[in-house]
Amino acid sequence: MNILYVTSEAVPFCKTGGLADVAGSLPQALSKGGDHVSVILPLYQSVSEKWMEALHFEKWRYVRLSWRSVYCGLFSLEREGVTWYFIDNEHYFKRPELYGYYDDGERFAFFSRAVAELLPELPEKPDVVHCNDWQSALVPIYIRDESVREEFYKGIHTVITVHNVEYQGRYGRDTLEDLFGLAPGWYDGGTLAFDGDVNLLKGAIMTADAVTAVSPTYARELQYAYFAHGLENVMSMNAGKLHGVLNGLDMERYNPRKDANLTAHFSPGRLSGKARNKELLQQTMGLEVRADTPVIAMVTRLVSHKGLDLVCEALERVMEKDVQLAVLGKGDANYEAFFRNAAERYPGRIAVHLGYSESLAMQIYAGADLFLMPSRSEPCGLSQMIAMRYGTVPIVRETGGLKDTVHPYEAWNGAGNGFTFANYNADDMAHVICEAVDLYHDNRAAFKALQKRGMNEDFSWTRSAVAYHDIYESICN
């Protein structure tokens, strides 16, 4: 089967969030399973600066974007069994950042239009075009629009994956024709209309042959107002084609046996290296070097939906226990100020690094004992999987992918791989944190069994690739 994966970012070329990790791993896993896979994304400034010498120029053409006729270049690269395509237009993409510009709507409309118009010129016609989030949400719409006039497009099936429904690509009604080049019927018929605006993600959900979310629980949550940010009725209407597929993890990249960020390597059968990493982490972050005190870690953006208001409310109760806290992240000024103040009040017991360092993040995953993710919402989450891979026991709220990957510890039979709480409540969170800390102090054998069980979990992309291939087969047959 020929698959074209459309994304606005992908590891190792460019990244702002979890979409890049998915786009950098899923295509290779599909390719290894026997599919012919290509990926197409913008040729950003950061990509051209690092990769231009490795890219092969394919062609150039003009792309229609409403009344505009816009230059589009196409470059390619073969890597790990996947063909990578890059769409070039320096006016739109030669910028320091990937997103956050006043004309993002026009930039990604051009990207989507270029993808649609280049399809007949690719070496092989795709059976499935798999798009991601609002930045490529116009692709299924353009393909559907072209299929009315062009026979070539009628045999192409489309998938849209919702990584985070908060970002929908909403624009004023007047953008439909002038910016996106679509006829009024797309709005008047309700496909793109949403509270007086044009909603690109809604349009993709309505027109795509399949809609996927990045975990089974998130797929269910998207049908409820609390999680769906206004699209709950749209999701419910399309529930028959909605699938939840849990994201995977690059098991080679995140491997405590050989991670170059670690001084001491370790495995489920040889955890002594983890103890050494804990000692080094405590030294690096200015915590008291104590092997018998559990370190709770958070590697997170410091924003409200990550559950930080619960941490603020429960911190004093948690710090009554014999425990240390290591925090890495940046975000809202009020949360940064809170953690900065907390580190001053608990010297040697709370350490905070405001910013982000990949190397320090991996040292935290490897050196901590417990990993806290009390998110209000979490479509999938990778941090809890990385933590388990490195023998750090997760404490999570039961939402989205956290619920699908972390199963509560059961003292009576030792089952589970972490600690969970259901209600978004500071007391409930503090209670399970205390349970985890008590298990660490009182039953080290049981705690070590939890560590090993998490390290042995299969979070590989192979499992996810099989699920996606099944979805592709279902919409093509």
Protein backbone atom coordinates (compact mmCIF):
# COMPACT_ATOMS: atom_id res chain seq x y z
CA MET A 1 0.00 0.00 0.00
CA ASN A 2 1.25 3.50 -0.87
CA ILE A 3 0.97 5.96 2.03
CA LEU A 4 1.71 9.70 1.91
CA TYR A 5 2.10 11.14 5.41
CA VAL A 6 1.50 14.91 5.60
CA THR A 7 2.87 16.77 8.61
CA SER A 8 4.00 20.24 9.63
CA GLU A 9 6.96 18.91 11.66
CA ALA A 10 8.96 15.72 12.07
CA VAL A 11 12.02 14.49 13.97
CA PRO A 12 14.92 14.77 13.14
CA PHE A 13 14.22 17.72 10.85
CA CYS A 14 12.12 20.07 12.99
CA LYS A 15 10.17 19.86 16.22
CA THR A 16 7.97 21.88 18.54
CA GLY A 17 5.92 19.07 20.12
CA GLY A 18 4.76 15.47 20.12
CA LEU A 19 3.56 15.55 16.50
CA ALA A 20 7.20 15.64 15.40
CA ASP A 21 7.98 12.48 17.37
CA VAL A 22 5.03 10.67 15.79
CA ALA A 23 5.90 11.83 12.27
CA GLY A 24 9.51 10.86 12.80
CA SER A 25 8.73 7.29 13.89
CA LEU A 26 5.40 6.03 12.49
CA PRO A 27 6.39 6.22 8.78
CA GLN A 28 9.49 4.08 9.40
CA ALA A 29 7.42 1.54 11.34
CA LEU A 30 4.88 1.37 8.49
CA SER A 31 7.70 0.96 5.99
CA LYS A 32 9.20 -1.91 7.97
CA GLY A 33 5.75 -3.53 7.90
CA GLY A 34 5.79 -3.59 4.10
CA ASP A 35 4.03 -0.37 3.10
CA HIS A 36 5.59 2.15 0.70
CA VAL A 37 5.70 5.35 2.72
CA SER A 38 6.51 8.95 1.86
CA VAL A 39 6.37 12.00 4.13
CA ILE A 40 5.86 15.59 3.00
CA LEU A 41 6.48 18.71 5.10
CA PRO A 42 7.54 22.35 4.63
CA LEU A 43 11.15 23.25 3.93
CA TYR A 44 11.59 25.51 6.94
CA GLN A 45 14.63 27.73 7.41
CA SER A 46 15.94 25.47 10.19
CA VAL A 47 15.62 22.42 7.91
CA SER A 48 17.40 24.00 4.96
CA GLU A 49 20.22 25.28 7.17
CA LYS A 50 21.02 21.80 8.44
CA TRP A 51 19.91 19.44 5.67
CA MET A 52 20.11 21.34 2.36
CA GLU A 53 23.27 19.60 1.13
CA ALA A 54 21.58 16.21 1.54
CA LEU A 55 18.39 17.21 -0.31
CA HIS A 56 17.75 16.43 -3.98
CA PHE A 57 15.90 19.04 -6.05
CA GLU A 58 12.94 17.39 -7.78
CA LYS A 59 11.01 20.14 -9.57
CA TRP A 60 9.26 23.45 -9.27
CA ARG A 61 5.85 24.66 -10.33
CA TYR A 62 3.27 27.28 -9.56
CA VAL A 63 0.47 26.47 -7.12
CA ARG A 64 -3.01 27.98 -7.25
CA LEU A 65 -4.09 29.60 -3.98
CA SER A 66 -7.36 31.43 -4.60
CA TRP A 67 -6.42 34.38 -6.86
CA ARG A 68 -2.68 33.84 -6.30
CA SER A 69 -0.19 31.88 -8.36
CA VAL A 70 2.62 30.95 -5.98
CA TYR A 71 6.05 29.39 -6.54
CA CYS A 72 6.49 25.89 -5.07
CA GLY A 73 9.73 23.92 -5.07
CA LEU A 74 9.98 20.24 -4.22
CA PHE A 75 13.03 18.57 -2.67
CA SER A 76 13.49 14.96 -1.55
CA LEU A 77 15.61 12.76 0.68
CA GLU A 78 15.73 8.99 1.13
CA ARG A 79 16.19 8.01 4.77
CA GLU A 80 15.58 4.77 6.68
CA GLY A 81 13.32 3.28 4.02
CA VAL A 82 11.13 6.40 3.74
CA THR A 83 11.04 9.08 1.02
CA TRP A 84 10.95 12.55 2.58
CA TYR A 85 9.57 15.44 0.50
CA PHE A 86 10.02 19.10 1.39
CA ILE A 87 7.91 21.93 -0.04
CA ASP A 88 9.91 25.08 -0.65
CA ASN A 89 8.72 28.67 -0.61
CA GLU A 90 11.00 31.10 1.20
CA HIS A 91 8.29 33.75 1.55
CA TYR A 92 6.28 31.38 3.74
CA PHE A 93 8.91 29.18 5.37
CA LYS A 94 12.21 31.06 5.60
CA ARG A 95 11.48 32.18 9.15
CA PRO A 96 13.09 31.46 12.53
CA GLU A 97 10.09 29.61 13.97
CA LEU A 98 7.69 27.01 12.59
CA TYR A 99 4.48 28.66 13.81
CA GLY A 100 3.20 31.78 15.50
CA TYR A 101 2.98 34.22 12.59
CA TYR A 102 0.07 36.48 11.59
CA ASP A 103 -0.24 34.70 8.23
CA ASP A 104 -0.12 31.09 9.48
CA GLY A 105 -3.48 30.47 7.82
CA GLU A 106 -2.11 31.46 4.42
CA ARG A 107 1.21 29.64 5.00
CA PHE A 108 -0.43 26.29 5.69
CA ALA A 109 -3.14 26.79 3.09
CA PHE A 110 -0.29 27.08 0.58
CA PHE A 111 1.32 23.96 2.05
CA SER A 112 -1.94 21.99 1.81
CA ARG A 113 -2.68 23.24 -1.70
CA ALA A 114 0.84 22.33 -2.80
CA VAL A 115 0.42 18.80 -1.43
CA ALA A 116 -2.86 18.36 -3.28
CA GLU A 117 -1.54 19.68 -6.61
CA LEU A 118 1.70 17.69 -6.42
CA LEU A 119 -0.03 14.34 -5.94
CA PRO A 120 -0.32 13.58 -9.70
CA GLU A 121 3.41 14.37 -10.12
CA LEU A 122 4.73 12.00 -7.45
CA PRO A 123 6.33 8.74 -8.63
CA GLU A 124 3.46 6.65 -7.27
CA LYS A 125 -0.14 7.58 -6.65
CA PRO A 126 -0.91 7.27 -2.92
CA ASP A 127 -3.69 4.99 -1.78
CA VAL A 128 -3.95 6.94 1.48
CA VAL A 129 -3.00 10.51 2.35
CA HIS A 130 -2.62 10.72 6.13
CA CYS A 131 -2.82 14.28 7.49
CA ASN A 132 -2.19 15.68 10.96
CA ASP A 133 -3.79 18.53 12.91
CA TRP A 134 -5.09 21.80 11.49
CA GLN A 135 -1.92 22.69 9.57
CA SER A 136 -2.68 20.00 6.97
CA ALA A 137 -6.45 19.82 7.50
CA LEU A 138 -7.15 21.47 4.14
CA VAL A 139 -5.59 18.53 2.28
CA PRO A 140 -8.62 16.17 2.61
CA ILE A 141 -10.86 19.09 1.68
CA TYR A 142 -8.85 19.99 -1.42
CA ILE A 143 -8.70 16.32 -2.47
CA ARG A 144 -12.48 16.00 -2.08
CA ASP A 145 -12.96 19.26 -3.98
CA GLU A 146 -10.70 18.16 -6.85
CA SER A 147 -12.31 14.72 -7.07
CA VAL A 148 -15.49 16.33 -8.40
CA ARG A 149 -13.57 17.49 -11.51
CA GLU A 150 -10.49 15.26 -11.78
CA GLU A 151 -10.64 11.47 -12.09
CA PHE A 152 -7.16 11.08 -10.56
CA TYR A 153 -8.32 12.18 -7.10
CA LYS A 154 -11.31 9.83 -6.85
CA GLY A 155 -9.27 6.83 -5.77
CA ILE A 156 -7.36 8.59 -2.98
CA HIS A 157 -8.51 8.02 0.59
CA THR A 158 -7.72 10.38 3.44
CA VAL A 159 -7.09 10.19 7.19
CA ILE A 160 -6.85 13.05 9.68
CA THR A 161 -5.19 12.55 13.06
CA VAL A 162 -6.14 14.85 15.94
CA HIS A 163 -3.10 15.30 18.17
CA ASN A 164 -4.55 18.19 20.18
CA VAL A 165 -8.08 19.43 19.54
CA GLU A 166 -7.39 22.79 21.18
CA TYR A 167 -5.78 23.95 17.93
CA GLN A 168 -8.39 23.93 15.17
CA GLY A 169 -7.40 26.49 12.54
CA ARG A 170 -10.28 28.93 12.96
CA TYR A 171 -10.53 31.94 10.66
CA GLY A 172 -13.14 34.52 9.66
CA ARG A 173 -15.88 33.69 7.17
CA ASP A 174 -14.31 35.90 4.50
CA THR A 175 -11.20 33.73 4.30
CA LEU A 176 -13.05 30.86 2.61
CA GLU A 177 -12.82 32.17 -0.95
CA ASP A 178 -10.16 34.88 -0.75
CA LEU A 179 -7.58 32.97 1.29
CA PHE A 180 -8.37 29.27 0.90
CA GLY A 181 -9.86 29.38 -2.60
CA LEU A 182 -12.96 27.34 -1.79
CA ALA A 183 -16.50 27.84 -3.07
CA PRO A 184 -19.19 29.26 -0.71
CA GLY A 185 -20.92 25.89 -0.56
CA TRP A 186 -18.18 24.52 1.69
CA TYR A 187 -19.33 26.99 4.32
CA ASP A 188 -23.02 27.30 3.52
CA GLY A 189 -23.40 23.51 3.53
CA GLY A 190 -21.94 23.34 7.03
CA THR A 191 -18.72 21.45 6.31
CA LEU A 192 -16.43 24.30 7.36
CA ALA A 193 -18.86 26.51 9.28
CA PHE A 194 -18.35 26.78 13.04
CA ASP A 195 -19.85 29.54 15.18
CA GLY A 196 -19.55 32.07 12.37
CA ASP A 197 -15.98 31.09 11.52
CA VAL A 198 -14.24 28.77 9.10
CA ASN A 199 -12.89 25.79 11.06
CA LEU A 200 -10.30 23.81 9.13
CA LEU A 201 -10.04 20.89 11.55
CA LYS A 202 -13.81 20.45 11.50
CA GLY A 203 -13.72 20.39 7.71
CA ALA A 204 -11.10 17.65 7.71
CA ILE A 205 -13.07 15.58 10.22
CA MET A 206 -16.15 15.87 8.05
CA THR A 207 -14.44 15.02 4.75
CA ALA A 208 -11.75 12.47 5.67
CA ASP A 209 -12.47 8.76 5.32
CA ALA A 210 -11.11 8.07 8.80
CA VAL A 211 -10.40 10.20 11.87
CA THR A 212 -7.86 9.06 14.45
CA ALA A 213 -6.93 10.28 17.89
CA VAL A 214 -3.61 9.55 19.57
CA SER A 215 -4.99 7.21 22.22
CA PRO A 216 -8.17 5.15 22.68
CA THR A 217 -9.23 7.13 25.75
CA TYR A 218 -8.69 10.46 23.98
CA ALA A 219 -10.90 9.25 21.12
CA ARG A 220 -13.70 8.70 23.63
CA GLU A 221 -13.02 11.95 25.46
CA LEU A 222 -13.29 13.96 22.26
CA GLN A 223 -17.01 13.24 22.20
CA TYR A 224 -17.50 15.20 25.45
CA ALA A 225 -17.58 18.97 25.83
CA TYR A 226 -15.00 19.04 28.65
CA PHE A 227 -12.28 17.80 26.29
CA ALA A 228 -13.42 18.68 22.75
CA HIS A 229 -13.27 22.50 22.82
CA GLY A 230 -16.56 22.84 20.98
CA LEU A 231 -16.16 19.96 18.54
CA GLU A 232 -17.90 17.32 20.66
CA ASN A 233 -20.98 17.21 18.40
CA VAL A 234 -18.83 16.98 15.28
CA MET A 235 -16.89 14.11 16.84
CA SER A 236 -20.05 12.32 17.91
CA MET A 237 -21.54 12.70 14.43
CA ASN A 238 -18.43 11.06 13.01
CA ALA A 239 -17.96 8.44 15.74
CA GLY A 240 -18.33 5.65 13.18
CA LYS A 241 -15.04 6.58 11.56
CA LEU A 242 -13.23 7.69 14.73
CA HIS A 243 -10.40 5.46 15.96
CA GLY A 244 -8.06 5.74 18.93
CA VAL A 245 -4.51 4.54 18.25
CA LEU A 246 -1.96 4.90 21.01
CA ASN A 247 1.25 6.62 20.00
CA GLY A 248 4.44 4.64 20.27
CA LEU A 249 7.93 5.36 21.49
CA ASP A 250 11.26 5.21 19.67
CA MET A 251 12.65 2.31 21.70
CA GLU A 252 16.18 2.81 20.36
CA ARG A 253 16.32 6.53 20.99
CA TYR A 254 15.01 6.07 24.51
CA ASN A 255 17.18 3.20 25.66
CA PRO A 256 18.83 3.28 29.12
CA ARG A 257 21.22 0.56 27.98
CA LYS A 258 23.03 2.96 25.64
CA ASP A 259 21.69 6.53 26.04
CA ALA A 260 24.66 8.86 25.45
CA ASN A 261 23.18 11.38 27.92
CA LEU A 262 23.75 8.97 30.80
CA THR A 263 26.99 8.35 32.64
CA ALA A 264 25.83 4.93 33.87
CA HIS A 265 23.75 2.61 31.72
CA PHE A 266 21.29 0.10 33.12
CA SER A 267 18.59 -2.44 32.27
CA PRO A 268 15.73 -4.27 34.04
CA GLY A 269 18.17 -6.98 35.07
CA ARG A 270 20.86 -4.58 36.20
CA LEU A 271 19.44 -1.56 38.02
CA SER A 272 22.65 -0.56 39.80
CA GLY A 273 23.33 1.98 37.04
CA LYS A 274 20.06 3.74 37.86
CA ALA A 275 21.25 4.31 41.43
CA ARG A 276 24.39 5.95 40.04
CA ASN A 277 22.27 8.18 37.80
CA LYS A 278 20.21 9.21 40.82
CA GLU A 279 23.34 10.24 42.70
CA LEU A 280 24.58 12.26 39.72
CA LEU A 281 21.16 13.88 39.26
CA GLN A 282 21.08 14.98 42.89
CA GLN A 283 24.58 16.43 42.54
CA THR A 284 23.77 18.17 39.24
CA MET A 285 20.55 19.80 40.42
CA GLY A 286 21.72 20.68 43.93
CA LEU A 287 19.63 18.16 45.86
CA GLU A 288 20.94 16.41 48.95
CA VAL A 289 22.72 13.25 47.86
CA ARG A 290 20.63 10.62 49.62
CA ALA A 291 20.07 7.20 48.15
CA ASP A 292 17.25 6.43 50.58
CA THR A 293 15.07 9.44 49.65
CA PRO A 294 12.80 9.11 46.60
CA VAL A 295 13.13 11.78 43.92
CA ILE A 296 9.86 12.85 42.27
CA ALA A 297 10.42 14.42 38.85
CA MET A 298 8.43 16.62 36.50
CA VAL A 299 9.59 17.37 32.95
CA THR A 300 6.82 19.51 31.55
CA ARG A 301 5.64 22.75 30.06
CA LEU A 302 4.59 24.94 32.96
CA VAL A 303 1.02 25.56 31.81
CA SER A 304 -2.33 25.01 33.48
CA HIS A 305 -3.58 21.97 31.57
CA LYS A 306 -0.55 20.02 32.83
CA GLY A 307 -2.20 20.00 36.27
CA LEU A 308 0.19 22.43 37.91
CA ASP A 309 -2.53 24.08 39.97
CA LEU A 310 -2.89 20.72 41.76
CA VAL A 311 0.84 20.67 42.43
CA CYS A 312 0.73 24.21 43.81
CA GLU A 313 -2.14 23.29 46.12
CA ALA A 314 -0.69 19.98 47.37
CA LEU A 315 3.02 20.77 47.56
CA GLU A 316 3.19 21.44 51.31
CA ARG A 317 1.45 18.15 52.09
CA VAL A 318 3.77 16.22 49.81
CA MET A 319 6.88 17.83 51.25
CA GLU A 320 5.88 16.63 54.72
CA LYS A 321 7.06 13.23 53.50
CA ASP A 322 10.72 12.24 53.16
CA VAL A 323 10.92 13.12 49.46
CA GLN A 324 12.72 15.34 46.95
CA LEU A 325 11.32 17.13 43.88
CA ALA A 326 13.14 17.89 40.61
CA VAL A 327 11.39 20.11 38.03
CA LEU A 328 12.49 20.89 34.48
CA GLY A 329 10.39 23.16 32.27
CA LYS A 330 9.31 26.63 31.31
CA GLY A 331 6.01 28.34 30.68
CA ASP A 332 3.62 30.68 32.46
CA ALA A 333 5.31 33.28 34.64
CA ASN A 334 3.14 32.51 37.69
CA TYR A 335 4.13 28.83 37.70
CA GLU A 336 7.78 29.68 37.15
CA ALA A 337 7.63 32.06 40.12
CA PHE A 338 5.91 29.41 42.27
CA PHE A 339 8.56 26.77 41.64
CA ARG A 340 11.41 29.26 42.01
CA ASN A 341 10.01 30.25 45.42
CA ALA A 342 9.48 26.60 46.39
CA ALA A 343 13.14 25.81 45.67
CA GLU A 344 14.16 28.69 47.92
CA ARG A 345 11.92 27.45 50.74
CA TYR A 346 13.15 23.85 50.47
CA PRO A 347 16.87 24.07 49.68
CA GLY A 348 18.37 20.69 48.95
CA ARG A 349 14.92 19.12 48.66
CA ILE A 350 13.37 20.96 45.69
CA ALA A 351 15.42 21.77 42.59
CA VAL A 352 14.07 23.68 39.60
CA HIS A 353 15.59 24.30 36.17
CA LEU A 354 13.50 26.88 34.29
CA GLY A 355 14.14 26.14 30.63
CA TYR A 356 14.66 22.99 28.64
CA SER A 357 17.67 20.77 28.08
CA GLU A 358 17.35 17.43 26.32
CA SER A 359 20.43 16.11 28.10
CA LEU A 360 19.16 17.16 31.54
CA ALA A 361 15.71 15.78 30.74
CA MET A 362 17.16 12.34 30.05
CA GLN A 363 19.26 12.51 33.22
CA ILE A 364 16.07 13.27 35.15
CA TYR A 365 14.18 10.37 33.57
CA ALA A 366 17.06 8.06 34.41
CA GLY A 367 17.82 9.34 37.91
CA ALA A 368 14.38 9.96 39.39
CA ASP A 369 12.33 7.34 41.26
CA LEU A 370 8.86 8.71 40.55
CA PHE A 371 7.48 10.78 37.67
CA LEU A 372 4.46 13.07 38.20
CA MET A 373 1.96 13.90 35.41
CA PRO A 374 -1.29 15.21 36.94
CA SER A 375 -2.61 16.56 33.61
CA ARG A 376 -6.08 17.98 33.23
CA SER A 377 -5.97 16.60 29.67
CA GLU A 378 -3.28 14.62 27.87
CA PRO A 379 -4.14 13.30 24.38
CA CYS A 380 -1.40 10.68 24.56
CA GLY A 381 1.71 11.79 26.40
CA LEU A 382 5.19 10.44 25.83
CA SER A 383 6.79 11.44 29.12
CA GLN A 384 5.10 8.69 31.12
CA MET A 385 6.31 6.09 28.60
CA ILE A 386 9.84 7.47 28.61
CA ALA A 387 9.81 7.47 32.42
CA MET A 388 8.80 3.80 32.55
CA ARG A 389 11.41 2.94 29.94
CA TYR A 390 14.01 4.39 32.33
CA GLY A 391 12.68 2.65 35.43
CA THR A 392 10.94 5.71 36.88
CA VAL A 393 7.49 4.86 38.23
CA PRO A 394 4.75 7.21 36.93
CA ILE A 395 2.07 8.94 38.99
CA VAL A 396 -0.64 10.18 36.60
CA ARG A 397 -4.19 11.36 36.36
CA GLU A 398 -6.44 8.97 34.46
CA THR A 399 -6.99 10.92 31.25
CA GLY A 400 -6.16 10.35 27.58
CA GLY A 401 -3.08 8.28 26.89
CA LEU A 402 -2.07 8.38 30.55
CA LYS A 403 -5.02 6.13 31.36
CA ASP A 404 -4.15 3.80 28.47
CA THR A 405 -0.50 3.34 29.44
CA VAL A 406 -0.33 3.57 33.25
CA HIS A 407 -2.20 0.93 35.25
CA PRO A 408 -2.59 1.37 39.02
CA TYR A 409 -0.49 -0.64 41.45
CA GLU A 410 -2.48 -3.29 43.33
CA ALA A 411 -0.86 -4.17 46.62
CA TRP A 412 -2.72 -7.46 47.03
CA ASN A 413 -1.25 -9.02 43.88
CA GLY A 414 1.51 -6.62 42.81
CA ALA A 415 -0.13 -5.84 39.47
CA GLY A 416 0.15 -2.51 37.69
CA ASN A 417 3.01 -0.33 36.52
CA GLY A 418 2.38 2.96 38.33
CA PHE A 419 0.01 5.05 40.42
CA THR A 420 -3.13 6.80 39.19
CA PHE A 421 -5.97 9.02 40.36
CA ALA A 422 -9.22 9.76 38.54
CA ASN A 423 -10.66 13.01 39.89
CA TYR A 424 -8.98 16.29 39.10
CA ASN A 425 -8.44 17.01 42.75
CA ALA A 426 -5.34 18.03 44.75
CA ASP A 427 -6.22 15.80 47.71
CA ASP A 428 -6.56 12.74 45.48
CA MET A 429 -3.25 13.51 43.82
CA ALA A 430 -1.49 14.03 47.15
CA HIS A 431 -2.94 10.76 48.44
CA VAL A 432 -1.50 8.65 45.61
CA ILE A 433 1.84 10.46 45.80
CA CYS A 434 2.02 9.54 49.46
CA GLU A 435 1.09 5.94 48.61
CA ALA A 436 3.95 5.79 46.11
CA VAL A 437 6.44 7.34 48.55
CA ASP A 438 5.35 4.93 51.30
CA LEU A 439 5.81 1.94 48.99
CA TYR A 440 9.31 3.16 48.16
CA HIS A 441 10.22 3.41 51.86
CA ASP A 442 8.36 0.38 53.20
CA ASN A 443 8.56 -2.26 50.45
CA ARG A 444 11.55 -1.74 48.22
CA ALA A 445 11.12 -5.15 46.60
CA ALA A 446 7.60 -4.29 45.44
CA PHE A 447 8.79 -0.88 44.21
CA LYS A 448 11.62 -2.49 42.25
CA ALA A 449 9.13 -4.90 40.68
CA LEU A 450 7.08 -1.86 39.51
CA GLN A 451 10.21 -0.37 37.97
CA LYS A 452 11.04 -3.54 36.08
CA ARG A 453 7.46 -4.02 34.89
CA GLY A 454 7.47 -0.52 33.37
CA MET A 455 10.84 -1.05 31.74
CA ASN A 456 9.58 -4.22 30.09
CA GLU A 457 6.44 -2.63 28.59
CA ASP A 458 6.19 -2.71 24.80
CA PHE A 459 5.64 0.88 23.70
CA SER A 460 7.20 0.35 20.27
CA TRP A 461 5.75 1.85 17.11
CA THR A 462 5.32 -1.63 15.63
CA ARG A 463 2.07 -2.09 17.54
CA SER A 464 0.76 1.32 16.45
CA ALA A 465 1.79 0.77 12.82
CA VAL A 466 -0.26 -2.44 12.67
CA ALA A 467 -3.32 -0.56 13.95
CA TYR A 468 -2.89 2.21 11.38
CA HIS A 469 -2.38 -0.28 8.56
CA ASP A 470 -5.66 -1.95 9.55
CA ILE A 471 -7.40 1.43 9.37
CA TYR A 472 -5.91 2.10 5.92
CA GLU A 473 -7.08 -1.31 4.73
CA SER A 474 -10.59 -0.71 6.04
CA ILE A 475 -11.07 2.58 4.17
CA CYS A 476 -9.54 1.32 0.92
CA ASN A 477 -11.61 -1.87 0.68
